[in-house]
Protein backbone atom coordinates (compact mmCIF):
# COMPACT_ATOMS: atom_id res chain seq x y z
CA MET A 1 -8.71 29.40 14.88
CA ARG A 2 -10.51 30.18 11.21
CA ILE A 3 -13.22 28.00 9.92
CA PHE A 4 -13.84 27.78 6.67
CA THR A 5 -16.81 26.38 5.12
CA PHE A 6 -16.84 24.20 1.85
CA LYS A 7 -20.28 23.37 0.35
CA PRO A 8 -21.10 20.85 -2.12
CA ASP A 9 -19.31 21.01 -5.41
CA GLU A 10 -19.30 19.64 -9.01
CA HIS A 11 -16.05 21.22 -9.53
CA ALA A 12 -14.70 20.75 -6.02
CA GLY A 13 -10.94 20.76 -7.19
CA ARG A 14 -10.74 24.21 -8.20
CA THR A 15 -13.01 25.31 -5.16
CA PHE A 16 -10.87 23.88 -3.02
CA ALA A 17 -7.71 25.20 -4.42
CA GLU A 18 -9.21 28.74 -3.74
CA ILE A 19 -9.99 27.98 0.01
CA LEU A 20 -6.51 26.70 0.41
CA LYS A 21 -5.16 29.99 -0.58
CA ALA A 22 -7.41 31.87 2.05
CA VAL A 23 -6.17 29.17 4.69
CA GLU A 24 -2.48 30.29 3.96
CA SER A 25 -3.30 33.84 3.70
CA ALA A 26 -5.20 33.56 7.35
CA GLY A 27 -1.54 31.93 8.91
CA GLU A 28 -3.36 30.77 11.88
CA PRO A 29 -4.90 27.22 12.20
CA ALA A 30 -7.87 26.63 10.74
CA ILE A 31 -10.56 24.27 9.78
CA ILE A 32 -11.93 23.38 6.35
CA SER A 33 -15.54 22.15 7.45
CA LEU A 34 -17.17 20.24 4.47
CA GLN A 35 -20.91 20.41 4.54
CA PRO A 36 -22.52 16.86 3.75
CA GLY A 37 -22.98 15.65 0.49
CA ARG A 38 -20.91 15.14 -3.11
CA TYR A 39 -17.80 16.91 -4.05
CA LEU A 40 -16.52 15.90 -7.51
CA PHE A 41 -12.90 16.32 -8.34
CA ARG A 42 -12.24 16.20 -11.86
CA LYS A 43 -8.58 15.42 -13.36
CA GLU A 44 -8.88 18.32 -15.62
CA GLU A 45 -9.05 20.66 -12.22
CA ALA A 46 -6.36 18.69 -10.76
CA ALA A 47 -3.06 19.95 -9.22
CA PHE A 48 0.04 18.06 -10.24
CA CYS A 49 2.64 16.28 -8.20
CA ASP A 50 6.13 15.08 -9.45
CA GLN A 51 7.50 13.79 -6.29
CA PRO A 52 8.47 10.19 -7.04
CA VAL A 53 6.92 7.70 -4.66
CA SER A 54 8.08 4.77 -2.76
CA ASN A 55 7.07 1.02 -4.29
CA THR A 56 4.94 2.58 -7.28
CA VAL A 57 6.75 2.74 -11.03
CA VAL A 58 9.72 1.96 -12.68
CA TYR A 59 12.43 4.86 -13.53
CA ASP A 60 12.95 5.03 -17.00
CA GLY A 61 14.29 8.80 -16.94
CA ASN A 62 11.19 10.30 -16.27
CA ILE A 63 9.25 11.65 -13.67
CA PRO A 64 5.46 10.45 -13.78
CA ARG A 65 3.43 13.41 -13.20
CA LYS A 66 0.52 12.53 -10.97
CA HIS A 67 -2.72 14.48 -11.08
CA VAL A 68 -4.06 15.14 -7.31
CA GLY A 69 -7.77 15.93 -6.64
CA LEU A 70 -6.46 17.40 -3.07
CA LEU A 71 -3.19 18.78 -2.76
CA LEU A 72 -1.56 20.23 0.50
CA ALA A 73 1.87 21.57 0.25
CA GLY A 74 3.99 23.28 3.10
CA MET A 75 0.44 23.55 5.51
CA SER A 76 0.46 23.16 8.98
CA ASP A 77 -2.15 23.28 11.89
CA LEU A 78 -5.13 22.11 9.36
CA THR A 79 -8.06 20.01 9.80
CA ILE A 80 -10.47 18.99 7.08
CA GLU A 81 -13.60 17.84 8.87
CA GLY A 82 -15.77 15.95 6.53
CA ASN A 83 -19.03 15.72 8.37
CA GLY A 84 -19.86 12.51 6.30
CA ALA A 85 -19.03 14.41 3.04
CA GLU A 86 -18.82 11.81 0.08
CA LEU A 87 -15.58 12.86 -2.11
CA LEU A 88 -15.70 11.38 -5.62
CA PHE A 89 -13.13 11.63 -8.48
CA ASP A 90 -13.28 11.28 -12.35
CA GLY A 91 -10.45 10.26 -14.20
CA ASP A 92 -7.30 8.18 -13.82
CA MET A 93 -5.66 10.36 -10.62
CA SER A 94 -4.66 10.52 -7.11
CA SER A 95 -7.23 11.85 -4.47
CA ILE A 96 -4.97 13.52 -2.05
CA ALA A 97 -1.14 14.55 -1.45
CA LEU A 98 0.26 15.93 1.47
CA LEU A 99 3.83 17.10 0.90
CA ASN A 100 5.93 18.68 3.73
CA CYS A 101 3.06 19.37 5.96
CA ARG A 102 2.47 19.56 9.65
CA ASN A 103 -0.01 18.84 12.20
CA ILE A 104 -2.77 18.06 9.84
CA VAL A 105 -6.07 16.03 10.53
CA LEU A 106 -8.27 14.70 7.77
CA ARG A 107 -11.77 13.46 9.64
CA ASN A 108 -14.82 11.70 8.46
CA PHE A 109 -15.16 11.61 4.69
CA SER A 110 -15.43 8.87 2.09
CA VAL A 111 -13.15 8.50 -1.10
CA ASP A 112 -14.83 7.00 -4.01
CA TYR A 113 -14.07 6.98 -8.21
CA LEU A 114 -16.66 7.21 -10.72
CA HIS A 115 -14.71 4.78 -12.62
CA PRO A 116 -12.34 2.50 -10.66
CA ARG A 117 -9.06 1.35 -12.21
CA VAL A 118 -9.91 -2.05 -11.61
CA VAL A 119 -12.58 -3.26 -13.88
CA GLU A 120 -14.95 -5.64 -12.47
CA MET A 121 -17.42 -8.22 -14.20
CA ARG A 122 -19.99 -10.89 -12.33
CA CYS A 123 -20.45 -14.34 -14.10
CA THR A 124 -24.11 -14.73 -14.24
CA GLY A 125 -23.78 -18.43 -15.50
CA CYS A 126 -21.69 -21.01 -16.88
CA ARG A 127 -22.89 -23.92 -18.82
CA GLY A 128 -19.89 -26.19 -20.05
CA ARG A 129 -17.89 -24.17 -22.80
CA GLU A 130 -19.63 -20.93 -22.17
CA ALA A 131 -20.06 -18.55 -19.38
CA ASP A 132 -22.05 -15.30 -19.46
CA PHE A 133 -20.34 -12.08 -17.43
CA GLU A 134 -22.13 -8.63 -16.65
CA LEU A 135 -19.62 -5.68 -16.16
CA HIS A 136 -20.27 -3.65 -13.39
CA PRO A 137 -22.31 -0.13 -14.22
CA ASP A 138 -18.88 1.58 -12.50
CA SER A 139 -16.55 -0.40 -15.14
CA ARG A 140 -16.03 0.41 -18.95
CA ALA A 141 -15.57 -2.24 -21.77
CA MET A 142 -16.33 -2.55 -25.58
CA LEU A 143 -15.62 -4.99 -28.02
CA ARG A 144 -13.49 -4.42 -31.05
CA ASP A 145 -12.87 -6.94 -33.93
CA GLY A 146 -14.04 -9.60 -31.59
CA LYS A 147 -11.69 -8.60 -28.71
CA LEU A 148 -13.07 -7.39 -25.50
CA ILE A 149 -11.22 -3.60 -24.62
CA PHE A 150 -11.44 -2.57 -21.30
CA LEU A 151 -11.61 1.38 -20.90
CA ASN A 152 -9.26 3.13 -18.12
CA PRO A 153 -10.97 5.97 -15.95
CA ASP A 154 -10.00 8.41 -18.49
CA GLY A 155 -11.84 6.57 -21.18
CA GLN A 156 -8.74 5.39 -22.96
CA PRO A 157 -8.98 1.70 -24.36
CA GLU A 158 -6.79 -0.86 -22.80
CA ALA A 159 -5.83 -4.58 -24.11
CA ALA A 160 -6.69 -6.75 -21.01
CA GLU A 161 -5.24 -9.66 -21.83
CA LYS A 162 -1.90 -9.27 -19.83
CA TRP A 163 -3.81 -7.62 -16.86
CA ILE A 164 -3.71 -9.51 -13.60
CA VAL A 165 -6.43 -11.21 -13.08
CA GLN A 166 -8.48 -11.84 -9.32
CA CYS A 167 -11.77 -13.37 -8.34
CA ALA A 168 -13.95 -12.56 -5.20
CA SER A 169 -16.08 -15.71 -4.22
CA ALA A 170 -19.89 -15.45 -4.41
CA ASP A 171 -20.10 -15.53 -1.15
CA GLY A 172 -17.88 -12.96 -0.55
CA GLN A 173 -15.62 -14.72 1.97
CA SER A 174 -12.27 -14.89 -0.34
CA ASN A 175 -10.68 -12.34 -3.24
CA GLN A 176 -7.85 -14.20 -4.41
CA ARG A 177 -5.42 -13.93 -7.21
CA SER A 178 -6.66 -16.09 -10.35
CA PRO A 179 -4.18 -18.16 -12.64
CA PHE A 180 -7.20 -18.37 -15.01
CA HIS A 181 -7.75 -15.65 -16.91
CA PRO A 182 -11.59 -15.65 -18.22
CA TYR A 183 -11.47 -13.33 -20.98
CA ALA A 184 -7.68 -14.31 -22.20
CA GLU A 185 -8.55 -17.97 -22.26
CA ALA A 186 -11.77 -17.38 -24.22
CA ALA A 187 -11.95 -18.74 -27.89
CA GLU A 188 -14.53 -15.99 -28.59
CA CYS A 189 -16.44 -13.34 -26.99
CA VAL A 190 -19.57 -11.62 -28.01
CA GLU A 191 -21.70 -9.12 -26.63
CA LEU A 192 -25.10 -10.22 -25.66
CA THR A 193 -26.46 -6.51 -24.54
CA PRO A 194 -24.63 -3.83 -23.68
CA GLY A 195 -22.59 -4.34 -20.52
CA LYS A 196 -23.20 -8.64 -20.83
CA PHE A 197 -20.73 -10.57 -22.55
CA ARG A 198 -20.47 -14.49 -23.41
CA PHE A 199 -17.20 -16.03 -23.34
CA ARG A 200 -16.78 -19.37 -25.32
CA TYR A 201 -13.93 -22.00 -24.76
CA HIS A 202 -12.28 -25.07 -26.16
CA GLU A 203 -12.45 -26.95 -22.81
CA PRO A 204 -15.27 -26.60 -20.41
CA HIS A 205 -14.79 -24.54 -17.27
CA ASN A 206 -16.55 -24.39 -13.72
CA ILE A 207 -16.78 -20.71 -13.16
CA GLU A 208 -18.60 -19.84 -10.07
CA THR A 209 -21.83 -18.30 -10.52
CA GLY A 210 -22.04 -14.65 -8.83
CA SER A 211 -18.00 -14.59 -8.46
CA ILE A 212 -16.71 -10.99 -9.19
CA TRP A 213 -13.71 -10.87 -11.63
CA GLN A 214 -11.69 -8.41 -11.33
CA PHE A 215 -8.83 -7.10 -13.91
CA ARG A 216 -6.22 -4.52 -13.55
CA ASN A 217 -3.06 -2.73 -15.69
CA PRO A 218 -0.49 -3.45 -12.81
CA ALA A 219 1.12 0.27 -13.16
CA ARG A 220 0.62 2.66 -10.40
CA ASN A 221 1.05 5.87 -11.77
CA GLU A 222 -1.49 7.31 -9.41
CA ASN A 223 -2.23 6.87 -5.73
CA GLY A 224 -4.72 7.24 -3.25
CA ILE A 225 -3.66 9.20 -0.13
CA PHE A 226 0.07 10.17 -0.68
CA LEU A 227 2.14 11.62 2.30
CA HIS A 228 5.83 12.72 1.75
CA GLU A 229 7.87 14.55 5.04
CA CYS A 230 4.94 15.11 6.79
CA GLN A 231 4.65 15.40 10.33
CA ASN A 232 1.69 14.50 12.78
CA VAL A 233 -0.68 13.39 10.62
CA GLU A 234 -3.96 11.80 11.66
CA LEU A 235 -6.46 10.00 9.13
CA ASP A 236 -9.90 9.72 11.41
CA HIS A 237 -12.87 7.89 10.42
CA LEU A 238 -12.08 7.97 6.72
CA LYS A 239 -13.81 5.39 4.35
CA LEU A 240 -11.90 4.65 1.11
CA TYR A 241 -14.33 2.97 -1.30
CA PHE A 242 -11.34 2.64 -3.44
CA THR A 243 -7.80 3.83 -4.18
CA PRO A 244 -5.45 3.50 -7.16
CA GLY A 245 -2.06 2.36 -6.76
CA LEU A 246 -0.95 2.29 -3.08
CA GLY A 247 -4.18 3.20 -0.92
CA VAL A 248 -2.37 5.29 1.86
CA ILE A 249 1.63 5.79 1.11
CA ALA A 250 3.57 7.39 3.63
CA GLN A 251 7.28 8.01 3.06
CA LEU A 252 9.49 9.82 5.23
CA CYS A 253 7.11 10.81 7.71
CA ARG A 254 6.96 11.38 11.15
CA ASP A 255 4.19 10.25 13.74
CA LEU A 256 1.05 8.91 12.01
CA ASN A 257 -2.50 7.81 13.44
CA ILE A 258 -4.55 6.24 11.32
CA HIS A 259 -7.74 5.10 13.28
CA ALA A 260 -11.30 4.10 12.43
CA HIS A 261 -10.31 3.64 8.90
CA ALA A 262 -12.59 1.58 6.76
CA HIS A 263 -10.69 0.46 3.44
CA ALA A 264 -13.60 -1.56 1.81
CA PRO A 265 -16.17 -1.62 -0.98
CA ARG A 266 -18.96 1.03 -0.40
CA PRO A 267 -21.41 -1.26 0.99
CA GLY A 268 -24.40 -2.19 -1.44
CA SER A 269 -22.14 -1.03 -4.71
CA GLY A 270 -21.57 -4.70 -5.69
CA ARG A 271 -18.06 -3.75 -5.89
CA ALA A 272 -15.41 -6.39 -4.72
CA CYS A 273 -12.14 -4.32 -5.00
CA ALA A 274 -11.52 -1.39 -2.65
CA ALA A 275 -7.61 -1.15 -2.94
CA PHE A 276 -5.67 -1.44 -6.46
CA ALA A 277 -2.48 -2.67 -4.46
CA ASP A 278 -1.80 -2.25 -0.73
CA CYS A 279 -4.21 -0.64 1.30
CA ILE A 280 -1.39 1.14 3.46
CA GLN A 281 2.14 1.15 3.08
CA ILE A 282 4.66 2.71 5.46
CA SER A 283 8.04 3.18 4.01
CA SER A 284 10.99 4.88 5.84
CA CYS A 285 9.15 6.70 8.52
CA ARG A 286 9.98 7.63 11.93
CA GLY A 287 8.43 8.29 15.51
CA ASN A 288 5.16 6.74 15.92
CA VAL A 289 2.75 5.05 13.64
CA ARG A 290 -0.24 3.71 14.97
CA ILE A 291 -3.05 1.91 13.10
CA THR A 292 -6.20 0.90 15.03
CA ASP A 293 -9.57 0.03 15.01
CA SER A 294 -9.84 0.05 10.95
CA GLN A 295 -11.25 -2.38 8.53
CA PHE A 296 -9.37 -3.78 5.64
CA SER A 297 -11.11 -5.92 2.80
CA GLY A 298 -11.13 -5.98 -0.94
CA SER A 299 -7.54 -5.19 -1.66
CA GLN A 300 -5.53 -6.66 -4.77
CA ASP A 301 -2.08 -6.87 -2.54
CA ASP A 302 -1.29 -6.76 1.04
CA PRO A 303 -3.53 -4.51 4.06
CA ILE A 304 -0.58 -3.19 5.34
CA ASN A 305 3.29 -2.85 4.59
CA ILE A 306 5.68 -1.18 7.42
CA HIS A 307 9.57 -1.24 6.24
CA GLY A 308 12.37 0.36 5.65
CA THR A 309 14.53 0.90 2.54
CA TYR A 310 18.22 -0.72 1.94
CA LEU A 311 20.31 1.18 -0.23
CA GLY A 312 23.16 -0.65 -1.87
CA VAL A 313 26.71 0.62 -1.69
CA ASN A 314 28.52 1.20 -5.24
CA GLU A 315 31.61 3.04 -3.83
CA PHE A 316 33.45 3.68 -0.66
CA ASP A 317 35.95 6.78 -0.16
CA GLU A 318 36.75 7.74 3.32
CA LYS A 319 33.63 8.76 4.70
CA ARG A 320 31.80 9.14 1.63
CA LEU A 321 29.66 6.52 0.60
CA LEU A 322 27.95 6.48 -3.37
CA LEU A 323 24.57 4.62 -2.46
CA GLU A 324 21.93 3.39 -5.01
CA PHE A 325 18.50 2.66 -5.22
CA LYS A 326 18.31 -1.53 -6.04
CA HIS A 327 14.78 -2.02 -6.35
CA PRO A 328 13.53 -0.37 -9.65
CA GLU A 329 10.15 0.91 -8.16
CA THR A 330 11.89 2.63 -5.44
CA TRP A 331 13.71 5.78 -6.30
CA GLY A 332 13.81 9.55 -6.12
CA PHE A 333 13.67 10.41 -2.53
CA LEU A 334 16.38 10.99 0.41
CA PRO A 335 15.68 8.42 3.51
CA PHE A 336 18.94 10.34 5.41
CA SER A 337 18.83 13.21 7.70
CA SER A 338 21.89 14.49 9.52
CA GLY A 339 22.18 12.40 12.77
CA ASP A 340 20.70 9.63 11.86
CA GLU A 341 22.17 6.13 12.93
CA VAL A 342 23.26 3.77 9.89
CA ALA A 343 24.44 0.19 9.62
CA LEU A 344 26.72 -1.25 7.27
CA VAL A 345 25.04 -4.51 6.34
CA ASP A 346 26.32 -7.65 4.89
CA ALA A 347 23.63 -8.10 1.89
CA GLU A 348 23.81 -11.58 1.86
CA THR A 349 23.65 -12.09 5.63
CA GLN A 350 21.90 -9.13 6.39
CA GLU A 351 24.16 -8.91 9.54
CA ARG A 352 24.50 -5.42 10.88
CA LEU A 353 28.56 -4.97 10.52
CA GLN A 354 29.38 -1.55 11.82
CA PHE A 355 27.53 1.84 12.63
CA ALA A 356 27.82 5.44 12.31
CA GLN A 357 25.87 8.67 12.41
CA VAL A 358 25.05 10.70 9.16
CA HIS A 359 27.21 14.13 8.64
CA HIS A 360 24.76 15.19 5.81
CA ALA A 361 23.23 13.44 2.51
CA ASP A 362 22.46 14.34 -1.08
CA LEU A 363 20.44 13.27 -3.75
CA LYS A 364 22.90 12.81 -6.33
CA ASP A 365 20.29 11.94 -9.20
CA PHE A 366 17.16 9.92 -9.02
CA LEU A 367 18.76 6.80 -8.50
CA HIS A 368 21.94 7.81 -6.25
CA ILE A 369 22.69 9.35 -3.16
CA ASP A 370 25.71 10.86 -1.50
CA LEU A 371 26.03 9.77 2.17
CA TYR A 372 28.62 11.47 4.31
CA LEU A 373 29.40 10.02 7.66
CA ASP A 374 30.98 11.34 10.79
CA SER A 375 33.18 8.46 10.81
CA VAL A 376 34.98 5.61 8.32
CA PHE A 377 33.57 2.33 7.86
CA HIS A 378 36.48 -0.17 7.74
CA ILE A 379 35.81 -2.84 4.88
CA LYS A 380 37.34 -6.04 5.38
CA ASP A 381 36.17 -7.78 2.39
CA ALA A 382 35.74 -4.95 -0.74
CA GLY A 383 34.42 -7.85 -2.97
CA LYS A 384 31.28 -8.30 -0.68
CA ARG A 385 27.97 -6.90 -1.21
CA TYR A 386 26.90 -4.57 1.08
CA VAL A 387 23.89 -2.18 1.91
CA ILE A 388 22.99 0.54 4.04
CA GLU A 389 20.23 0.53 6.79
CA ASN A 390 19.20 3.69 8.44
CA LEU A 391 18.09 2.54 12.03
CA SER A 392 16.67 6.30 12.67
CA ALA A 393 14.12 5.51 9.75
CA CYS A 394 12.22 2.98 11.59
CA PRO A 395 8.88 3.90 13.64
CA GLU A 396 7.67 2.53 16.62
CA VAL A 397 4.47 0.48 15.15
CA LEU A 398 0.86 -0.28 17.13
CA VAL A 399 -1.37 -2.47 15.01
CA GLN A 400 -4.33 -2.72 17.29
CA ASN A 401 -7.82 -3.95 17.17
CA ASN A 402 -7.95 -4.13 13.19
CA CYS A 403 -10.06 -6.50 10.85
CA PHE A 404 -8.49 -8.10 7.67
CA SER A 405 -10.62 -10.01 5.08
CA CYS A 406 -10.77 -10.46 1.16
CA TYR A 407 -7.06 -10.09 0.35
CA PRO A 408 -4.90 -12.09 -2.07
CA THR A 409 -1.35 -12.13 -0.29
CA ARG A 410 -0.15 -11.24 3.35
CA GLY A 411 -2.30 -9.47 6.01
CA LEU A 412 0.68 -7.71 7.68
CA LEU A 413 3.97 -7.34 6.91
CA ILE A 414 6.01 -5.28 9.43
CA THR A 415 10.02 -5.22 9.27
CA THR A 416 11.21 -2.27 11.66
CA SER A 417 13.84 -2.24 13.89
CA ALA A 418 12.02 -0.36 16.73
CA PRO A 419 9.06 -1.61 19.21
CA GLY A 420 6.31 -2.74 17.55
CA ILE A 421 3.01 -4.28 18.84
CA VAL A 422 0.37 -6.45 17.15
CA ARG A 423 -2.55 -6.72 19.57
CA GLY A 424 -6.26 -7.74 19.25
CA ASN A 425 -6.27 -7.87 15.57
CA THR A 426 -8.50 -10.50 13.71
CA PHE A 427 -7.23 -11.87 10.34
CA LEU A 428 -9.90 -13.85 8.24
CA GLN A 429 -7.02 -15.58 5.76
CA ALA A 430 -8.26 -17.25 2.62
CA PRO A 431 -5.11 -17.52 0.50
CA PRO A 432 -1.94 -19.59 0.93
CA ARG A 433 0.11 -17.15 2.17
CA PRO A 434 0.77 -16.22 6.03
CA ALA A 435 -1.33 -13.76 8.23
CA ILE A 436 1.72 -11.85 9.44
CA HIS A 437 5.15 -12.10 7.43
CA ILE A 438 8.27 -10.66 9.00
CA ALA A 439 10.79 -10.50 6.20
CA SER A 440 13.58 -8.36 5.66
CA ASP A 441 15.30 -8.48 2.23
CA ALA A 442 18.46 -7.23 0.39
CA SER A 443 18.14 -9.01 -2.75
CA ASN A 444 14.92 -8.35 -4.25
CA TRP A 445 12.56 -5.73 -2.19
CA TYR A 446 15.45 -4.35 -0.77
CA GLU A 447 12.83 -3.41 2.22
CA SER A 448 14.75 -3.50 5.63
CA GLY A 449 15.03 -4.51 8.33
CA GLY A 450 15.96 -6.85 11.51
CA VAL A 451 13.22 -6.76 14.04
CA ARG A 452 14.49 -6.15 17.55
CA ASP A 453 11.59 -6.02 19.66
CA LEU A 454 7.92 -7.20 18.57
CA LEU A 455 5.09 -8.25 20.64
CA ILE A 456 2.41 -10.38 18.58
CA GLU A 457 -0.71 -11.06 21.17
CA GLU A 458 -4.22 -11.84 21.75
CA ASN A 459 -4.99 -11.92 18.01
CA THR A 460 -7.37 -14.29 16.25
CA PHE A 461 -6.34 -16.27 12.87
CA GLU A 462 -9.04 -17.93 11.24
CA GLY A 463 -8.62 -20.22 8.31
CA CYS A 464 -5.10 -20.07 7.52
CA VAL A 465 -3.87 -22.88 5.26
CA VAL A 466 -0.09 -22.34 5.61
CA PRO A 467 1.84 -21.54 8.99
CA THR A 468 -0.18 -18.48 9.67
CA ILE A 469 2.89 -16.27 11.24
CA ASN A 470 6.09 -16.42 8.99
CA ILE A 471 9.19 -14.98 10.09
CA ASN A 472 11.49 -15.41 7.29
CA PRO A 473 14.21 -13.13 5.82
CA ASN A 474 15.66 -13.65 2.53
CA ASN A 475 18.95 -14.24 3.61
CA ASN A 476 22.06 -16.89 3.73
CA ASP A 477 23.31 -19.36 6.43
CA GLN A 478 20.32 -18.62 8.71
CA TYR A 479 21.94 -15.83 10.08
CA PRO A 480 19.82 -14.94 13.42
CA LEU A 481 18.55 -11.68 11.93
CA HIS A 482 15.46 -10.98 14.22
CA HIS A 483 15.27 -10.78 17.77
CA GLY A 484 13.23 -10.12 20.70
CA ILE A 485 10.11 -11.55 19.04
CA ARG A 486 7.27 -12.50 21.63
CA ILE A 487 4.15 -14.44 20.41
CA ARG A 488 1.38 -14.88 23.02
CA ASN A 489 -2.36 -15.62 23.72
CA ASN A 490 -3.41 -15.81 20.43
CA THR A 491 -6.46 -17.94 19.06
CA PHE A 492 -6.21 -19.83 15.81
CA LEU A 493 -9.34 -21.14 14.61
CA HIS A 494 -9.62 -23.67 11.66
CA CYS A 495 -5.72 -23.13 10.93
CA THR A 496 -3.40 -25.51 9.60
CA LEU A 497 -0.61 -26.65 11.83
CA PRO A 498 2.19 -25.42 12.13
CA TYR A 499 0.86 -22.07 13.31
CA LEU A 500 4.22 -20.67 13.20
CA HIS A 501 7.40 -21.11 10.78
CA ALA A 502 10.52 -19.31 11.77
CA ARG A 503 13.72 -19.35 10.15
CA GLY A 504 16.63 -16.51 10.28
CA CYS A 505 15.75 -15.45 13.98
CA ALA A 506 17.06 -15.94 17.23
CA GLU A 507 15.28 -17.65 19.89
CA ILE A 508 11.26 -16.77 20.09
CA ASP A 509 9.19 -16.42 23.06
CA ALA A 510 5.77 -18.35 22.10
CA GLU A 511 3.36 -19.30 24.35
CA ASN A 512 0.02 -21.23 23.96
CA ILE A 513 1.41 -21.81 19.95
CA GLU A 514 1.90 -25.14 18.01
CA LYS A 515 5.16 -24.92 16.50
């Protein structure tokens, strides 16, 4: 076992690339040990990653290039031991990417950005038709011809009128999407002193003093930690104070362990946002996924989303099928391996009609896949709409002893046909969305698939104003897609009845729950 020492560095990207070359040359298991302190990764020193990422950007004929501060490609048997180090990123860039890696441990360091891609302003006072806002020191904005212009992490101006808006309450107990856009609806904006603005409105508004307003351009061009076709990766005791795009996105990976993970604003920073979108998204993975003893707070979307990918069937030709990625933000990767079990699925009911094994598959282009099977699907109605589900690209899941708070959507989305356990978690829910959502969708997001074995037990839900657990696949005829769901010994505090809404599923084994 070789140990390589990494000292605090203001040009950490360049130095880290040199250390990785030394690790590869050593040709044996290694530890990169970071000494405590600050490591600054600059965009101009970033590595490039052109691999498309699930659920991020719309394909327009180009592959969006990602700029990665810390890129590991084809590495194995490596531990990055942080020892409490602070990794800071300067510019519109991704923090970490692992491509085709095996047996990797990332442990005990924090990730933050000098200028997060979500701009934040705090309301310092509201009087009738006027409201004052103070820009967070990490955010940047300027007035141009009477209009407020936000600067992105690269310092480039971007108009903010159509950005997504979210508001964190002054007491820090909620962080929700807002239909009210405090700048776009202002009749006038003036800068009182640097970083302090006054908005004037045609009508009086009651904007809470101390509330923190967040603005984001919705494009997910960069991400936090991206894992592609990796196996046996552990994220242990990481603190993600801010991540762009998807916080941790794993696609086509096997065996992932996320433990003692804190995805929340840096204490004392005055910021409300820690995640530009989802904190963790697991897409078409395999093996075992474990997310335990972690904290999620301050996201702009779902803290955890675990799903597969339905692909549309365009052509049948004996044992060959031409498949198409159907959601515009998901494309460009190959979610099949030889020997995988796949199902032909009625896209309307999501019933699994027939099963076969994959002989091989080829990515024909970024939107289409040639899938070759070991047997022929017998199509009785060629006029129906079909999708293909990969039943082998569904991980066994354990989500245990985590805390979810200050998020605007659902706490946990889980659709995997492999066994799953959701146990001992705490959901502090404020938005009018379910804390746990079990869906499956072959018409919009194309996130598969039907649950066959899921245990939800010993969780605490607080403050849910809609059914806390929502089982609701996006299919017609109420076909019983989901099976084997058990809901036992959960606690509901100040939650609205009913606690459970269920359709499109077989009989549920639910104990001690008001339905």
